[in-house]
Amino acid sequence: MIDLGWIGVWLLVFGAAVILVELILAGIWSVRIANRSRVLRVRLMSEQAQLRSAVERMNESLVEMQVLWQPYRRLLRWLGHPLTIALMQSFARRRAAAR
């Protein structure tokens, strides 16, 4: 007859072996994840640098555009006034009614 005490020992050894295999797999996966995260971090930093430079160029363009539109600022203010808009709409209605 089989000694039942040895079954427990073999189950303990088998369980320890399974745990050891899981630890090895977890270590390998952790190293892969760490390597991928480093690659992604480098890619993200380069994308952020490109984004910052694009925002800086856009701000420079906005400043330049404000300087270029400065002589027309008063005209744009007049054209955006509600009474001017109403007058233009009135002219458009009259023109449409005359056709």
Protein backbone atom coordinates (compact mmCIF):
# COMPACT_ATOMS: atom_id res chain seq x y z
CA MET A 1 0.00 0.00 0.00
CA ILE A 2 1.08 3.54 -0.76
CA ASP A 3 2.21 5.65 2.13
CA LEU A 4 -0.17 8.60 2.32
CA GLY A 5 2.47 10.84 3.91
CA TRP A 6 4.49 10.88 0.69
CA ILE A 7 1.53 12.13 -1.33
CA GLY A 8 1.56 15.35 0.70
CA VAL A 9 5.30 15.76 0.16
CA TRP A 10 4.96 15.27 -3.61
CA LEU A 11 2.05 17.71 -3.74
CA LEU A 12 4.21 20.23 -1.86
CA VAL A 13 7.08 19.76 -4.32
CA PHE A 14 4.73 20.01 -7.31
CA GLY A 15 3.11 23.17 -5.89
CA ALA A 16 6.52 24.75 -5.27
CA ALA A 17 7.59 23.91 -8.84
CA VAL A 18 4.44 25.48 -10.27
CA ILE A 19 4.98 28.60 -8.15
CA LEU A 20 8.61 28.79 -9.34
CA VAL A 21 7.50 28.54 -13.01
CA GLU A 22 4.91 31.29 -12.44
CA LEU A 23 7.56 33.51 -10.83
CA ILE A 24 9.88 33.01 -13.81
CA LEU A 25 7.10 33.83 -16.27
CA ALA A 26 6.08 36.88 -14.24
CA GLY A 27 9.69 38.07 -14.25
CA ILE A 28 9.98 37.66 -18.02
CA TRP A 29 6.70 39.50 -18.58
CA SER A 30 7.75 42.27 -16.18
CA VAL A 31 11.00 42.81 -18.09
CA ARG A 32 9.10 42.97 -21.40
CA ILE A 33 6.61 45.45 -19.98
CA ALA A 34 9.43 47.60 -18.58
CA ASN A 35 11.18 47.65 -21.96
CA ARG A 36 7.98 48.59 -23.77
CA SER A 37 7.27 51.34 -21.26
CA ARG A 38 10.75 52.80 -21.81
CA VAL A 39 10.20 52.82 -25.58
CA LEU A 40 6.79 54.45 -25.14
CA ARG A 41 8.22 57.03 -22.74
CA VAL A 42 10.88 58.03 -25.29
CA ARG A 43 8.27 58.23 -28.05
CA LEU A 44 5.97 60.28 -25.83
CA MET A 45 8.75 62.72 -24.94
CA SER A 46 9.58 63.28 -28.61
CA GLU A 47 5.89 63.81 -29.44
CA GLN A 48 5.59 66.31 -26.58
CA ALA A 49 8.62 68.21 -27.88
CA GLN A 50 7.09 68.37 -31.34
CA LEU A 51 3.79 69.53 -29.87
CA ARG A 52 5.49 72.25 -27.84
CA SER A 53 7.33 73.53 -30.91
CA ALA A 54 4.09 73.53 -32.93
CA VAL A 55 2.31 75.50 -30.20
CA GLU A 56 5.19 77.96 -30.08
CA ARG A 57 5.02 78.45 -33.87
CA MET A 58 1.26 78.95 -33.64
CA ASN A 59 1.67 81.59 -30.92
CA GLU A 60 4.25 83.38 -33.04
CA SER A 61 1.85 83.30 -35.99
CA LEU A 62 -0.95 84.72 -33.84
CA VAL A 63 1.26 87.58 -32.69
CA GLU A 64 2.27 88.29 -36.28
CA MET A 65 -1.36 88.15 -37.41
CA GLN A 66 -2.39 90.60 -34.69
CA VAL A 67 0.29 93.02 -35.86
CA LEU A 68 -0.81 92.66 -39.48
CA TRP A 69 -4.52 93.17 -38.68
CA GLN A 70 -3.89 96.16 -36.39
CA PRO A 71 -4.65 98.81 -39.08
CA TYR A 72 -7.99 97.13 -39.76
CA ARG A 73 -9.01 96.78 -36.11
CA ARG A 74 -11.41 99.76 -36.17
CA LEU A 75 -13.04 98.58 -39.41
CA LEU A 76 -13.52 95.07 -37.98
CA ARG A 77 -15.07 96.53 -34.83
CA TRP A 78 -17.52 98.54 -36.93
CA LEU A 79 -18.40 95.53 -39.08
CA GLY A 80 -19.07 93.41 -36.01
CA HIS A 81 -21.37 95.95 -34.41
CA PRO A 82 -25.02 94.75 -34.18
CA LEU A 83 -26.41 97.88 -35.85
CA THR A 84 -24.06 97.45 -38.82
CA ILE A 85 -25.08 93.80 -39.13
CA ALA A 86 -28.77 94.78 -39.01
CA LEU A 87 -28.19 97.42 -41.68
CA MET A 88 -26.47 94.93 -43.98
CA GLN A 89 -29.31 92.45 -43.47
CA SER A 90 -31.81 95.15 -44.30
CA PHE A 91 -29.97 95.95 -47.55
CA ALA A 92 -29.88 92.23 -48.39
CA ARG A 93 -33.65 91.89 -47.80
CA ARG A 94 -34.34 94.93 -50.00
CA ARG A 95 -32.16 93.55 -52.76
CA ALA A 96 -33.88 90.16 -52.53
CA ALA A 97 -37.33 91.80 -52.61
CA ALA A 98 -36.40 93.87 -55.68
CA ARG A 99 -35.54 90.77 -57.71
